[in-house]
C-alpha atoms as a PDB file:
ATOM      1  CA  MET A   1       0.000   0.000   0.000  1.00  0.00           C
ATOM      2  CA  LYS A   2       1.138   3.549  -0.698  1.00  0.00           C
ATOM      3  CA  ILE A   3       0.692   5.648   2.441  1.00  0.00           C
ATOM      4  CA  GLY A   4       1.050   9.400   2.706  1.00  0.00           C
ATOM      5  CA  MET A   5       2.546  10.977   5.829  1.00  0.00           C
ATOM      6  CA  ALA A   6       1.824  14.541   6.892  1.00  0.00           C
ATOM      7  CA  ASN A   7       2.970  16.460   9.934  1.00  0.00           C
ATOM      8  CA  ASP A   8       3.736  19.867  11.266  1.00  0.00           C
ATOM      9  CA  HIS A   9       6.727  20.833  13.400  1.00  0.00           C
ATOM     10  CA  ALA A  10       5.228  19.076  16.438  1.00  0.00           C
ATOM     11  CA  GLY A  11       5.263  15.701  14.694  1.00  0.00           C
ATOM     12  CA  THR A  12       8.707  15.413  13.135  1.00  0.00           C
ATOM     13  CA  GLU A  13      10.251  12.963  15.592  1.00  0.00           C
ATOM     14  CA  LEU A  14       7.299  10.604  15.759  1.00  0.00           C
ATOM     15  CA  LYS A  15       6.976  10.676  11.973  1.00  0.00           C
ATOM     16  CA  LYS A  16      10.418   9.099  11.625  1.00  0.00           C
ATOM     17  CA  GLU A  17       9.354   6.187  13.818  1.00  0.00           C
ATOM     18  CA  ILE A  18       6.088   5.684  11.937  1.00  0.00           C
ATOM     19  CA  ILE A  19       7.780   5.803   8.545  1.00  0.00           C
ATOM     20  CA  ALA A  20      10.186   3.098   9.737  1.00  0.00           C
ATOM     21  CA  LEU A  21       7.244   0.967  10.933  1.00  0.00           C
ATOM     22  CA  LEU A  22       5.356   1.386   7.668  1.00  0.00           C
ATOM     23  CA  GLU A  23       8.416   0.518   5.591  1.00  0.00           C
ATOM     24  CA  GLU A  24       9.126  -2.538   7.786  1.00  0.00           C
ATOM     25  CA  ARG A  25       5.573  -3.660   7.034  1.00  0.00           C
ATOM     26  CA  GLY A  26       6.254  -3.343   3.299  1.00  0.00           C
ATOM     27  CA  HIS A  27       4.412  -0.097   2.571  1.00  0.00           C
ATOM     28  CA  GLU A  28       5.642   2.673   0.323  1.00  0.00           C
ATOM     29  CA  VAL A  29       5.642   6.008   2.172  1.00  0.00           C
ATOM     30  CA  VAL A  30       5.235   9.450   0.617  1.00  0.00           C
ATOM     31  CA  ASN A  31       6.353  12.250   2.944  1.00  0.00           C
ATOM     32  CA  PHE A  32       4.127  15.319   2.629  1.00  0.00           C
ATOM     33  CA  GLY A  33       5.178  16.784   5.989  1.00  0.00           C
ATOM     34  CA  THR A  34       7.895  19.025   7.280  1.00  0.00           C
ATOM     35  CA  ASP A  35      11.192  17.629   8.489  1.00  0.00           C
ATOM     36  CA  THR A  36      12.181  20.544  10.711  1.00  0.00           C
ATOM     37  CA  LYS A  37      11.160  21.844  14.128  1.00  0.00           C
ATOM     38  CA  GLU A  38      10.565  25.331  12.669  1.00  0.00           C
ATOM     39  CA  SER A  39       6.947  26.333  13.270  1.00  0.00           C
ATOM     40  CA  VAL A  40       4.693  25.653  10.276  1.00  0.00           C
ATOM     41  CA  PRO A  41       0.886  25.728   9.900  1.00  0.00           C
ATOM     42  CA  TYR A  42      -0.713  22.305  10.406  1.00  0.00           C
ATOM     43  CA  PRO A  43      -3.723  23.126   8.148  1.00  0.00           C
ATOM     44  CA  LYS A  44      -1.403  23.256   5.126  1.00  0.00           C
ATOM     45  CA  TYR A  45      -0.166  19.711   5.741  1.00  0.00           C
ATOM     46  CA  GLY A  46      -3.583  18.294   6.593  1.00  0.00           C
ATOM     47  CA  GLU A  47      -4.942  19.684   3.338  1.00  0.00           C
ATOM     48  CA  ILE A  48      -2.019  18.384   1.272  1.00  0.00           C
ATOM     49  CA  LEU A  49      -2.486  14.871   2.663  1.00  0.00           C
ATOM     50  CA  GLY A  50      -6.263  15.016   2.338  1.00  0.00           C
ATOM     51  CA  ARG A  51      -6.033  16.037  -1.306  1.00  0.00           C
ATOM     52  CA  ALA A  52      -3.484  13.298  -2.043  1.00  0.00           C
ATOM     53  CA  VAL A  53      -5.713  10.618  -0.494  1.00  0.00           C
ATOM     54  CA  ALA A  54      -8.868  11.964  -2.174  1.00  0.00           C
ATOM     55  CA  ALA A  55      -7.131  12.069  -5.573  1.00  0.00           C
ATOM     56  CA  GLY A  56      -5.805   8.522  -5.210  1.00  0.00           C
ATOM     57  CA  GLU A  57      -2.156   9.615  -5.255  1.00  0.00           C
ATOM     58  CA  VAL A  58      -1.801   7.548  -2.081  1.00  0.00           C
ATOM     59  CA  ASP A  59      -4.080   4.807  -0.733  1.00  0.00           C
ATOM     60  CA  ALA A  60      -4.341   6.160   2.811  1.00  0.00           C
ATOM     61  CA  GLY A  61      -2.665   8.583   5.181  1.00  0.00           C
ATOM     62  CA  VAL A  62      -1.146   9.119   8.598  1.00  0.00           C
ATOM     63  CA  ALA A  63      -1.174  12.641  10.044  1.00  0.00           C
ATOM     64  CA  ILE A  64       0.654  13.906  13.112  1.00  0.00           C
ATOM     65  CA  CYS A  65       0.623  17.253  14.875  1.00  0.00           C
ATOM     66  CA  GLY A  66       0.800  18.195  18.542  1.00  0.00           C
ATOM     67  CA  THR A  67      -2.567  16.637  19.420  1.00  0.00           C
ATOM     68  CA  GLY A  68      -3.686  15.147  16.100  1.00  0.00           C
ATOM     69  CA  VAL A  69      -6.810  17.290  16.215  1.00  0.00           C
ATOM     70  CA  GLY A  70      -5.791  20.328  14.178  1.00  0.00           C
ATOM     71  CA  ILE A  71      -4.335  18.364  11.281  1.00  0.00           C
ATOM     72  CA  SER A  72      -7.395  16.078  11.252  1.00  0.00           C
ATOM     73  CA  LEU A  73      -9.751  19.045  11.084  1.00  0.00           C
ATOM     74  CA  ALA A  74      -7.897  20.378   8.050  1.00  0.00           C
ATOM     75  CA  ALA A  75      -7.813  16.984   6.300  1.00  0.00           C
ATOM     76  CA  ASN A  76     -11.523  16.467   6.945  1.00  0.00           C
ATOM     77  CA  LYS A  77     -12.352  19.634   4.992  1.00  0.00           C
ATOM     78  CA  VAL A  78     -11.312  17.804   1.809  1.00  0.00           C
ATOM     79  CA  LYS A  79     -14.219  16.020   0.123  1.00  0.00           C
ATOM     80  CA  GLY A  80     -13.926  12.260   0.497  1.00  0.00           C
ATOM     81  CA  ILE A  81     -11.740  12.294   3.584  1.00  0.00           C
ATOM     82  CA  ARG A  82     -12.555  10.538   6.827  1.00  0.00           C
ATOM     83  CA  ALA A  83      -9.666  11.447   9.129  1.00  0.00           C
ATOM     84  CA  ALA A  84      -9.923  10.156  12.690  1.00  0.00           C
ATOM     85  CA  VAL A  85      -7.897  11.124  15.743  1.00  0.00           C
ATOM     86  CA  CYS A  86      -6.956   8.132  17.883  1.00  0.00           C
ATOM     87  CA  SER A  87      -5.038   7.905  21.134  1.00  0.00           C
ATOM     88  CA  GLU A  88      -5.192   4.118  21.513  1.00  0.00           C
ATOM     89  CA  PRO A  89      -5.463   1.067  19.226  1.00  0.00           C
ATOM     90  CA  VAL A  90      -9.057  -0.016  19.927  1.00  0.00           C
ATOM     91  CA  THR A  91     -10.434   3.224  18.496  1.00  0.00           C
ATOM     92  CA  ALA A  92      -7.971   2.967  15.590  1.00  0.00           C
ATOM     93  CA  ARG A  93      -9.323  -0.473  14.707  1.00  0.00           C
ATOM     94  CA  LEU A  94     -12.931   0.643  15.031  1.00  0.00           C
ATOM     95  CA  VAL A  95     -12.547   3.766  12.894  1.00  0.00           C
ATOM     96  CA  LYS A  96     -11.438   1.515  10.045  1.00  0.00           C
ATOM     97  CA  GLU A  97     -14.022  -1.222  10.671  1.00  0.00           C
ATOM     98  CA  HIS A  98     -16.994   1.106  11.195  1.00  0.00           C
ATOM     99  CA  ASN A  99     -16.081   4.422   9.549  1.00  0.00           C
ATOM    100  CA  ASN A 100     -13.629   3.337   6.851  1.00  0.00           C
ATOM    101  CA  ALA A 101     -11.249   6.079   8.009  1.00  0.00           C
ATOM    102  CA  ASN A 102      -8.768   6.772   5.241  1.00  0.00           C
ATOM    103  CA  ILE A 103      -6.473   8.925   7.385  1.00  0.00           C
ATOM    104  CA  ILE A 104      -5.419   8.114  10.943  1.00  0.00           C
ATOM    105  CA  CYS A 105      -4.241  11.005  13.132  1.00  0.00           C
ATOM    106  CA  PHE A 106      -2.574  11.342  16.507  1.00  0.00           C
ATOM    107  CA  GLY A 107      -0.492  13.772  18.501  1.00  0.00           C
ATOM    108  CA  GLU A 108       3.202  13.544  19.260  1.00  0.00           C
ATOM    109  CA  ARG A 109       2.498  15.463  22.475  1.00  0.00           C
ATOM    110  CA  ILE A 110      -0.233  12.957  23.429  1.00  0.00           C
ATOM    111  CA  VAL A 111       0.995   9.452  22.565  1.00  0.00           C
ATOM    112  CA  GLY A 112       4.423   7.882  22.856  1.00  0.00           C
ATOM    113  CA  VAL A 113       6.267   5.995  20.150  1.00  0.00           C
ATOM    114  CA  GLU A 114       5.047   2.516  21.094  1.00  0.00           C
ATOM    115  CA  MET A 115       1.432   3.646  21.411  1.00  0.00           C
ATOM    116  CA  ALA A 116       1.635   5.405  18.041  1.00  0.00           C
ATOM    117  CA  LYS A 117       2.960   2.205  16.467  1.00  0.00           C
ATOM    118  CA  ALA A 118       0.133   0.219  18.065  1.00  0.00           C
ATOM    119  CA  ILE A 119      -2.420   2.732  16.745  1.00  0.00           C
ATOM    120  CA  VAL A 120      -1.081   2.556  13.196  1.00  0.00           C
ATOM    121  CA  SER A 121      -0.815  -1.235  13.274  1.00  0.00           C
ATOM    122  CA  ALA A 122      -4.373  -1.685  14.561  1.00  0.00           C
ATOM    123  CA  TRP A 123      -5.700   0.638  11.855  1.00  0.00           C
ATOM    124  CA  LEU A 124      -3.722  -1.069   9.089  1.00  0.00           C
ATOM    125  CA  ASP A 125      -4.722  -4.558  10.218  1.00  0.00           C
ATOM    126  CA  ALA A 126      -8.433  -3.732  10.398  1.00  0.00           C
ATOM    127  CA  GLU A 127     -10.840  -4.073   7.481  1.00  0.00           C
ATOM    128  CA  PHE A 128     -13.950  -2.049   6.756  1.00  0.00           C
ATOM    129  CA  GLN A 129     -16.980  -4.146   7.638  1.00  0.00           C
ATOM    130  CA  GLY A 130     -19.466  -2.565   5.228  1.00  0.00           C
ATOM    131  CA  GLY A 131     -23.122  -3.466   5.744  1.00  0.00           C
ATOM    132  CA  ARG A 132     -24.857  -1.080   8.124  1.00  0.00           C
ATOM    133  CA  HIS A 133     -21.525   0.688   8.571  1.00  0.00           C
ATOM    134  CA  GLY A 134     -21.347   1.268   4.815  1.00  0.00           C
ATOM    135  CA  GLU A 135     -24.784   2.840   4.896  1.00  0.00           C
ATOM    136  CA  ARG A 136     -23.657   5.182   7.655  1.00  0.00           C
ATOM    137  CA  VAL A 137     -20.456   6.114   5.849  1.00  0.00           C
ATOM    138  CA  ASP A 138     -22.581   6.892   2.777  1.00  0.00           C
ATOM    139  CA  MET A 139     -24.720   9.161   4.957  1.00  0.00           C
ATOM    140  CA  ILE A 140     -21.616  10.966   6.172  1.00  0.00           C
ATOM    141  CA  MET A 141     -20.335  11.393   2.618  1.00  0.00           C
ATOM    142  CA  LYS A 142     -23.683  12.837   1.480  1.00  0.00           C
ATOM    143  CA  ILE A 143     -23.269  15.637   4.014  1.00  0.00           C
ATOM    144  CA  GLU A 144     -20.411  16.935   1.814  1.00  0.00           C
ATOM    145  CA  GLU A 145     -22.856  17.466  -1.031  1.00  0.00           C
END
């Protein structure tokens, strides 16, 4: 799978760890984020990742900022994006199974390296269940229209 990574200055260290995990798992990673600690606006990077996922340039995305919230809000403004903030792996699994989240988000200031890896792994290993969940995702997507 081709996975896009986006982050602001608050997510540079954790991004390195997540890229290594994704590559170990055999995924191709496209880095859309910053690589410096110099302050940058998280909405820019959330939008870039959201547009890349929506356009099919990448299959899915991982977004990191200080809390995961700001970058997720920006990504979710892009039509077709379902970006979910997760701070533990159970929610990460469920947002894929029930909401077909195509971007997973978390905060470097909120979760540690091992928890972030567990979140990403749970999300990647989960599969969308469809059925009644598909109907609900369709309802969410209709709101964009």
